[in-house]
Amino acid sequence: MQMTKKDIRPKLELTGATKNEKFQNEVLRPIIKLQHEILILVFKNWCVKQKIKLGNTSKEEFELLLKKSFSKNIAIRNLILGIIIGHYTEDEYVTYQKNTSEYNKRIFTMTKKRLFDSFEEIKKGNHI
């Protein structure tokens, strides 16, 4: 039996009332969890390329950096979207296409939170 994209995702026991919440909990959260390490590597690499030094950065400054990066920088936004969307099945992609704006907001909110929660790990590996 051949494994599918869904088979490699972590199984999360979450419920959602709306279609958007259901998609978030059944598709987005498991993919973002699965891609945790690559999201951290990508963000750390982006910081290096942008010459952003995180060594003495406070958690509050890091939060502002995340907000600014995700709101102003199209390259990092598109890279993160690609990392997540690349793990959709065909049916999930069709669902995503019906409400891309809402799902993109959810992707960026969850990814920012995950990166923020990984601040020490990101800061530790950022050497410029």
C-alpha atoms as a PDB file:
ATOM      1  CA  MET A   1       0.000   0.000   0.000  1.00  0.00           C
ATOM      2  CA  GLN A   2       1.359   3.364  -1.027  1.00  0.00           C
ATOM      3  CA  MET A   3       1.685   6.137   1.576  1.00  0.00           C
ATOM      4  CA  THR A   4      -0.086   9.410   0.914  1.00  0.00           C
ATOM      5  CA  LYS A   5       0.669  12.968   2.036  1.00  0.00           C
ATOM      6  CA  LYS A   6      -1.949  12.573   4.761  1.00  0.00           C
ATOM      7  CA  ASP A   7      -0.209   9.474   6.139  1.00  0.00           C
ATOM      8  CA  ILE A   8       2.971  11.354   7.075  1.00  0.00           C
ATOM      9  CA  ARG A   9       1.202  14.170   8.934  1.00  0.00           C
ATOM     10  CA  PRO A  10       0.909  14.145  12.704  1.00  0.00           C
ATOM     11  CA  LYS A  11      -2.541  13.140  13.918  1.00  0.00           C
ATOM     12  CA  LEU A  12      -4.097  15.956  15.956  1.00  0.00           C
ATOM     13  CA  GLU A  13      -7.333  15.596  17.867  1.00  0.00           C
ATOM     14  CA  LEU A  14      -8.902  19.007  17.262  1.00  0.00           C
ATOM     15  CA  THR A  15     -12.433  19.976  16.403  1.00  0.00           C
ATOM     16  CA  GLY A  16     -13.759  22.971  14.555  1.00  0.00           C
ATOM     17  CA  ALA A  17     -17.217  24.396  14.192  1.00  0.00           C
ATOM     18  CA  THR A  18     -16.876  26.094  10.819  1.00  0.00           C
ATOM     19  CA  LYS A  19     -15.502  24.825   7.514  1.00  0.00           C
ATOM     20  CA  ASN A  20     -12.537  27.185   7.905  1.00  0.00           C
ATOM     21  CA  GLU A  21     -11.778  25.904  11.409  1.00  0.00           C
ATOM     22  CA  LYS A  22     -12.104  22.315  10.226  1.00  0.00           C
ATOM     23  CA  PHE A  23      -9.649  22.938   7.361  1.00  0.00           C
ATOM     24  CA  GLN A  24      -7.307  24.708   9.772  1.00  0.00           C
ATOM     25  CA  ASN A  25      -7.364  21.885  12.315  1.00  0.00           C
ATOM     26  CA  GLU A  26      -7.383  18.929   9.933  1.00  0.00           C
ATOM     27  CA  VAL A  27      -5.033  20.261   7.248  1.00  0.00           C
ATOM     28  CA  LEU A  28      -3.077  23.384   8.179  1.00  0.00           C
ATOM     29  CA  ARG A  29      -2.047  22.565  11.760  1.00  0.00           C
ATOM     30  CA  PRO A  30      -0.715  19.066  10.971  1.00  0.00           C
ATOM     31  CA  ILE A  31       1.232  20.353   7.957  1.00  0.00           C
ATOM     32  CA  ILE A  32       2.725  23.264   9.912  1.00  0.00           C
ATOM     33  CA  LYS A  33       3.669  20.867  12.722  1.00  0.00           C
ATOM     34  CA  LEU A  34       5.202  18.437  10.215  1.00  0.00           C
ATOM     35  CA  GLN A  35       7.200  21.270   8.602  1.00  0.00           C
ATOM     36  CA  HIS A  36       8.369  22.812  11.901  1.00  0.00           C
ATOM     37  CA  GLU A  37      12.100  22.209  11.331  1.00  0.00           C
ATOM     38  CA  ILE A  38      12.098  23.470   7.744  1.00  0.00           C
ATOM     39  CA  LEU A  39      10.110  26.588   8.718  1.00  0.00           C
ATOM     40  CA  ILE A  40      12.727  27.385  11.352  1.00  0.00           C
ATOM     41  CA  LEU A  41      15.596  26.777   8.936  1.00  0.00           C
ATOM     42  CA  VAL A  42      13.977  28.922   6.263  1.00  0.00           C
ATOM     43  CA  PHE A  43      13.362  31.794   8.679  1.00  0.00           C
ATOM     44  CA  LYS A  44      16.899  31.590  10.101  1.00  0.00           C
ATOM     45  CA  ASN A  45      18.334  31.590   6.568  1.00  0.00           C
ATOM     46  CA  TRP A  46      16.124  34.534   5.610  1.00  0.00           C
ATOM     47  CA  CYS A  47      17.415  36.471   8.649  1.00  0.00           C
ATOM     48  CA  VAL A  48      21.004  35.772   7.583  1.00  0.00           C
ATOM     49  CA  LYS A  49      20.317  36.924   4.017  1.00  0.00           C
ATOM     50  CA  GLN A  50      18.631  40.075   5.344  1.00  0.00           C
ATOM     51  CA  LYS A  51      21.612  40.632   7.689  1.00  0.00           C
ATOM     52  CA  ILE A  52      19.300  40.525  10.691  1.00  0.00           C
ATOM     53  CA  LYS A  53      21.251  39.828  13.871  1.00  0.00           C
ATOM     54  CA  LEU A  54      19.193  38.140  16.537  1.00  0.00           C
ATOM     55  CA  GLY A  55      21.927  37.674  19.147  1.00  0.00           C
ATOM     56  CA  ASN A  56      20.825  40.518  21.431  1.00  0.00           C
ATOM     57  CA  THR A  57      17.233  40.653  20.255  1.00  0.00           C
ATOM     58  CA  SER A  58      14.557  40.594  22.938  1.00  0.00           C
ATOM     59  CA  LYS A  59      11.435  38.491  22.569  1.00  0.00           C
ATOM     60  CA  GLU A  60       9.381  41.684  22.080  1.00  0.00           C
ATOM     61  CA  GLU A  61      11.713  42.873  19.292  1.00  0.00           C
ATOM     62  CA  PHE A  62      11.523  39.435  17.701  1.00  0.00           C
ATOM     63  CA  GLU A  63       7.730  39.577  17.740  1.00  0.00           C
ATOM     64  CA  LEU A  64       7.862  42.940  15.931  1.00  0.00           C
ATOM     65  CA  LEU A  65      10.336  41.492  13.428  1.00  0.00           C
ATOM     66  CA  LEU A  66       7.960  38.605  12.714  1.00  0.00           C
ATOM     67  CA  LYS A  67       4.995  40.937  12.226  1.00  0.00           C
ATOM     68  CA  LYS A  68       6.969  43.230   9.929  1.00  0.00           C
ATOM     69  CA  SER A  69       8.487  40.334   7.971  1.00  0.00           C
ATOM     70  CA  PHE A  70       5.151  38.650   7.356  1.00  0.00           C
ATOM     71  CA  SER A  71       3.339  41.873   6.459  1.00  0.00           C
ATOM     72  CA  LYS A  72       5.952  43.547   4.249  1.00  0.00           C
ATOM     73  CA  ASN A  73       8.147  40.856   2.730  1.00  0.00           C
ATOM     74  CA  ILE A  74       6.534  39.037  -0.174  1.00  0.00           C
ATOM     75  CA  ALA A  75       9.472  36.659  -0.631  1.00  0.00           C
ATOM     76  CA  ILE A  76       9.255  35.134   2.853  1.00  0.00           C
ATOM     77  CA  ARG A  77       5.459  35.015   2.649  1.00  0.00           C
ATOM     78  CA  ASN A  78       5.533  33.154  -0.665  1.00  0.00           C
ATOM     79  CA  LEU A  79       8.228  30.784   0.560  1.00  0.00           C
ATOM     80  CA  ILE A  80       6.205  29.867   3.642  1.00  0.00           C
ATOM     81  CA  LEU A  81       3.049  29.420   1.583  1.00  0.00           C
ATOM     82  CA  GLY A  82       4.932  27.107  -0.780  1.00  0.00           C
ATOM     83  CA  ILE A  83       6.210  25.004   2.112  1.00  0.00           C
ATOM     84  CA  ILE A  84       2.632  24.521   3.365  1.00  0.00           C
ATOM     85  CA  ILE A  85       0.695  24.321   0.081  1.00  0.00           C
ATOM     86  CA  GLY A  86       3.154  21.773  -1.311  1.00  0.00           C
ATOM     87  CA  HIS A  87       1.782  19.274   1.214  1.00  0.00           C
ATOM     88  CA  TYR A  88      -1.860  19.590   0.187  1.00  0.00           C
ATOM     89  CA  THR A  89      -3.656  16.791  -1.534  1.00  0.00           C
ATOM     90  CA  GLU A  90      -5.592  17.675  -4.682  1.00  0.00           C
ATOM     91  CA  ASP A  91      -8.870  17.921  -2.748  1.00  0.00           C
ATOM     92  CA  GLU A  92      -7.267  20.117  -0.080  1.00  0.00           C
ATOM     93  CA  TYR A  93      -5.896  22.416  -2.757  1.00  0.00           C
ATOM     94  CA  VAL A  94      -9.362  22.762  -4.301  1.00  0.00           C
ATOM     95  CA  THR A  95     -10.732  23.679  -0.857  1.00  0.00           C
ATOM     96  CA  TYR A  96      -7.867  26.139  -0.316  1.00  0.00           C
ATOM     97  CA  GLN A  97      -8.561  27.833  -3.662  1.00  0.00           C
ATOM     98  CA  LYS A  98     -12.131  28.585  -2.596  1.00  0.00           C
ATOM     99  CA  ASN A  99     -10.945  30.807   0.268  1.00  0.00           C
ATOM    100  CA  THR A 100      -7.232  31.577  -0.213  1.00  0.00           C
ATOM    101  CA  SER A 101      -7.283  34.886   1.635  1.00  0.00           C
ATOM    102  CA  GLU A 102      -8.763  33.399   4.809  1.00  0.00           C
ATOM    103  CA  TYR A 103      -6.504  30.336   4.742  1.00  0.00           C
ATOM    104  CA  ASN A 104      -3.394  32.429   4.053  1.00  0.00           C
ATOM    105  CA  LYS A 105      -4.197  34.559   7.113  1.00  0.00           C
ATOM    106  CA  ARG A 106      -4.509  31.416   9.184  1.00  0.00           C
ATOM    107  CA  ILE A 107      -1.242  29.997   7.797  1.00  0.00           C
ATOM    108  CA  PHE A 108       0.663  33.191   8.615  1.00  0.00           C
ATOM    109  CA  THR A 109      -0.885  33.540  12.074  1.00  0.00           C
ATOM    110  CA  MET A 110      -0.029  29.959  13.020  1.00  0.00           C
ATOM    111  CA  THR A 111       3.456  30.124  11.485  1.00  0.00           C
ATOM    112  CA  LYS A 112       4.269  33.406  13.254  1.00  0.00           C
ATOM    113  CA  LYS A 113       3.138  31.856  16.542  1.00  0.00           C
ATOM    114  CA  ARG A 114       5.236  28.740  15.951  1.00  0.00           C
ATOM    115  CA  LEU A 115       8.311  30.828  15.085  1.00  0.00           C
ATOM    116  CA  PHE A 116       7.729  33.104  18.080  1.00  0.00           C
ATOM    117  CA  ASP A 117       7.476  30.083  20.362  1.00  0.00           C
ATOM    118  CA  SER A 118      10.783  28.847  18.852  1.00  0.00           C
ATOM    119  CA  PHE A 119      12.553  32.157  19.498  1.00  0.00           C
ATOM    120  CA  GLU A 120      15.422  30.701  21.550  1.00  0.00           C
ATOM    121  CA  GLU A 121      16.063  27.979  18.964  1.00  0.00           C
ATOM    122  CA  ILE A 122      16.086  30.511  16.123  1.00  0.00           C
ATOM    123  CA  LYS A 123      18.210  33.017  18.034  1.00  0.00           C
ATOM    124  CA  LYS A 124      20.755  30.338  18.985  1.00  0.00           C
ATOM    125  CA  GLY A 125      21.396  29.373  15.380  1.00  0.00           C
ATOM    126  CA  ASN A 126      21.586  32.893  13.890  1.00  0.00           C
ATOM    127  CA  HIS A 127      25.266  33.728  13.469  1.00  0.00           C
ATOM    128  CA  ILE A 128      26.195  36.786  11.432  1.00  0.00           C
END
